[in-house]
Amino acid sequence: MFAAQAILAVHLVIIAFNVAGLVVIPLGAWLGWRIVRVAWLRLLHLVLLAVVAAQALAGRACILTIWQNDFAGGAGSPAPLIMGVVDRLVYWPLPFWVFTVMYCGVFLYVLLLTMLVPFWDRKG
């Protein structure tokens, strides 16, 4: 059960990072924040969303979701309350194709952000 909780925690951090980037990048560009030009953060954001979209297009669930299910499935006791609440926030009961469309749309949005808010120095 601890492994499933740890995987869920990592998954939440990744989700928070990805969702935050969708808002922080355009907002930061508008407000002149230098952090939105940090190349390794932007590349990490782009790669993580590319992996999510690619897995969805391949018809596969996120590897973290698979691992969490594997570890939680073997537990004899019910999941703690907080884990159940977080699971309901992260895992929506929708058809897989809906997620594929959403993930691909978000990835295309991040590609657009890369062009509109480049993370390299325009002066250089």
Protein backbone atom coordinates (compact mmCIF):
# COMPACT_ATOMS: atom_id res chain seq x y z
CA MET A 1 0.00 0.00 0.00
CA PHE A 2 2.87 2.41 0.77
CA ALA A 3 4.26 1.95 -2.75
CA ALA A 4 0.88 2.82 -4.28
CA GLN A 5 0.68 5.94 -2.09
CA ALA A 6 4.23 6.97 -3.02
CA ILE A 7 3.48 6.52 -6.73
CA LEU A 8 0.28 8.54 -6.32
CA ALA A 9 2.28 11.32 -4.61
CA VAL A 10 4.80 11.41 -7.47
CA HIS A 11 1.94 11.36 -9.96
CA LEU A 12 0.31 14.33 -8.22
CA VAL A 13 3.54 16.33 -8.30
CA ILE A 14 3.89 15.67 -12.04
CA ILE A 15 0.25 16.58 -12.68
CA ALA A 16 0.60 19.78 -10.63
CA PHE A 17 3.79 20.71 -12.51
CA ASN A 18 2.13 20.11 -15.89
CA VAL A 19 -1.07 21.98 -15.05
CA ALA A 20 0.81 24.86 -13.41
CA GLY A 21 2.95 25.24 -16.51
CA LEU A 22 -0.15 25.70 -18.65
CA VAL A 23 -1.04 28.79 -16.62
CA VAL A 24 2.34 30.05 -15.41
CA ILE A 25 3.99 30.17 -18.85
CA PRO A 26 1.55 32.58 -20.53
CA LEU A 27 1.00 34.55 -17.31
CA GLY A 28 4.73 34.76 -16.65
CA ALA A 29 5.43 35.86 -20.20
CA TRP A 30 2.84 38.61 -19.85
CA LEU A 31 4.26 39.72 -16.47
CA GLY A 32 7.89 39.38 -17.57
CA TRP A 33 8.84 36.54 -15.22
CA ARG A 34 12.26 35.13 -16.07
CA ILE A 35 11.38 31.65 -14.81
CA VAL A 36 9.23 31.03 -17.89
CA ARG A 37 12.40 31.29 -19.99
CA VAL A 38 14.31 28.60 -18.05
CA ALA A 39 15.04 26.06 -20.78
CA TRP A 40 15.32 22.88 -18.69
CA LEU A 41 11.99 23.54 -16.94
CA ARG A 42 10.23 24.22 -20.22
CA LEU A 43 11.82 21.20 -21.90
CA LEU A 44 10.82 19.00 -18.95
CA HIS A 45 7.26 20.31 -19.24
CA LEU A 46 7.20 19.68 -22.98
CA VAL A 47 8.67 16.17 -22.68
CA LEU A 48 6.32 15.11 -19.87
CA LEU A 49 3.29 16.21 -21.85
CA ALA A 50 4.65 14.58 -25.01
CA VAL A 51 4.98 11.28 -23.13
CA VAL A 52 1.43 11.56 -21.79
CA ALA A 53 0.03 12.33 -25.26
CA ALA A 54 2.08 9.55 -26.89
CA GLN A 55 0.90 6.98 -24.35
CA ALA A 56 -2.70 8.04 -24.91
CA LEU A 57 -2.33 7.85 -28.70
CA ALA A 58 -0.84 4.36 -28.26
CA GLY A 59 -3.92 3.38 -26.25
CA ARG A 60 -1.93 2.90 -23.05
CA ALA A 61 -2.58 4.29 -19.62
CA CYS A 62 0.13 6.30 -17.90
CA ILE A 63 2.84 4.05 -16.52
CA LEU A 64 2.40 5.63 -13.08
CA THR A 65 -1.30 4.76 -13.16
CA ILE A 66 -0.48 1.17 -14.08
CA TRP A 67 2.11 0.87 -11.30
CA GLN A 68 -0.21 2.43 -8.74
CA ASN A 69 -3.00 0.02 -9.68
CA ASP A 70 -0.60 -2.93 -9.50
CA PHE A 71 0.61 -1.98 -6.04
CA ALA A 72 -2.81 -0.99 -4.67
CA GLY A 73 -4.50 -4.09 -6.09
CA GLY A 74 -2.45 -6.42 -3.93
CA ALA A 75 -3.27 -4.63 -0.69
CA GLY A 76 -5.68 -6.41 1.64
CA SER A 77 -6.90 -3.28 3.40
CA PRO A 78 -8.94 -0.45 1.90
CA ALA A 79 -7.17 2.67 0.72
CA PRO A 80 -6.82 5.52 3.23
CA LEU A 81 -9.44 8.25 2.92
CA ILE A 82 -7.06 10.84 1.48
CA MET A 83 -5.85 8.41 -1.18
CA GLY A 84 -9.46 7.73 -2.20
CA VAL A 85 -10.23 11.45 -2.45
CA VAL A 86 -7.10 12.12 -4.49
CA ASP A 87 -7.83 9.13 -6.73
CA ARG A 88 -11.26 10.61 -7.53
CA LEU A 89 -9.64 13.96 -8.38
CA VAL A 90 -7.02 12.40 -10.65
CA TYR A 91 -8.89 9.50 -12.23
CA TRP A 92 -12.12 10.64 -13.89
CA PRO A 93 -14.71 8.07 -15.05
CA LEU A 94 -14.61 9.03 -18.73
CA PRO A 95 -13.95 6.99 -21.87
CA PHE A 96 -10.28 6.68 -22.77
CA TRP A 97 -10.73 8.54 -26.07
CA VAL A 98 -11.75 11.68 -24.13
CA PHE A 99 -8.39 11.65 -22.34
CA THR A 100 -6.57 11.07 -25.62
CA VAL A 101 -8.20 14.15 -27.13
CA MET A 102 -7.52 16.22 -24.00
CA TYR A 103 -3.87 15.14 -23.72
CA CYS A 104 -3.19 15.78 -27.40
CA GLY A 105 -4.90 19.15 -27.19
CA VAL A 106 -2.85 20.13 -24.16
CA PHE A 107 0.35 19.00 -25.87
CA LEU A 108 -0.50 21.10 -28.95
CA TYR A 109 -1.16 24.05 -26.64
CA VAL A 110 2.29 23.60 -25.06
CA LEU A 111 3.87 23.45 -28.52
CA LEU A 112 2.09 26.71 -29.33
CA LEU A 113 3.39 28.20 -26.05
CA THR A 114 6.89 27.15 -27.08
CA MET A 115 6.55 29.24 -30.22
CA LEU A 116 4.77 32.19 -28.58
CA VAL A 117 6.90 32.21 -25.42
CA PRO A 118 10.25 30.79 -26.48
CA PHE A 119 12.56 29.66 -23.72
CA TRP A 120 15.69 30.74 -25.54
CA ASP A 121 16.99 34.27 -25.49
CA ARG A 122 15.78 36.20 -28.52
CA LYS A 123 18.65 38.69 -28.16
CA GLY A 124 21.36 36.02 -28.39
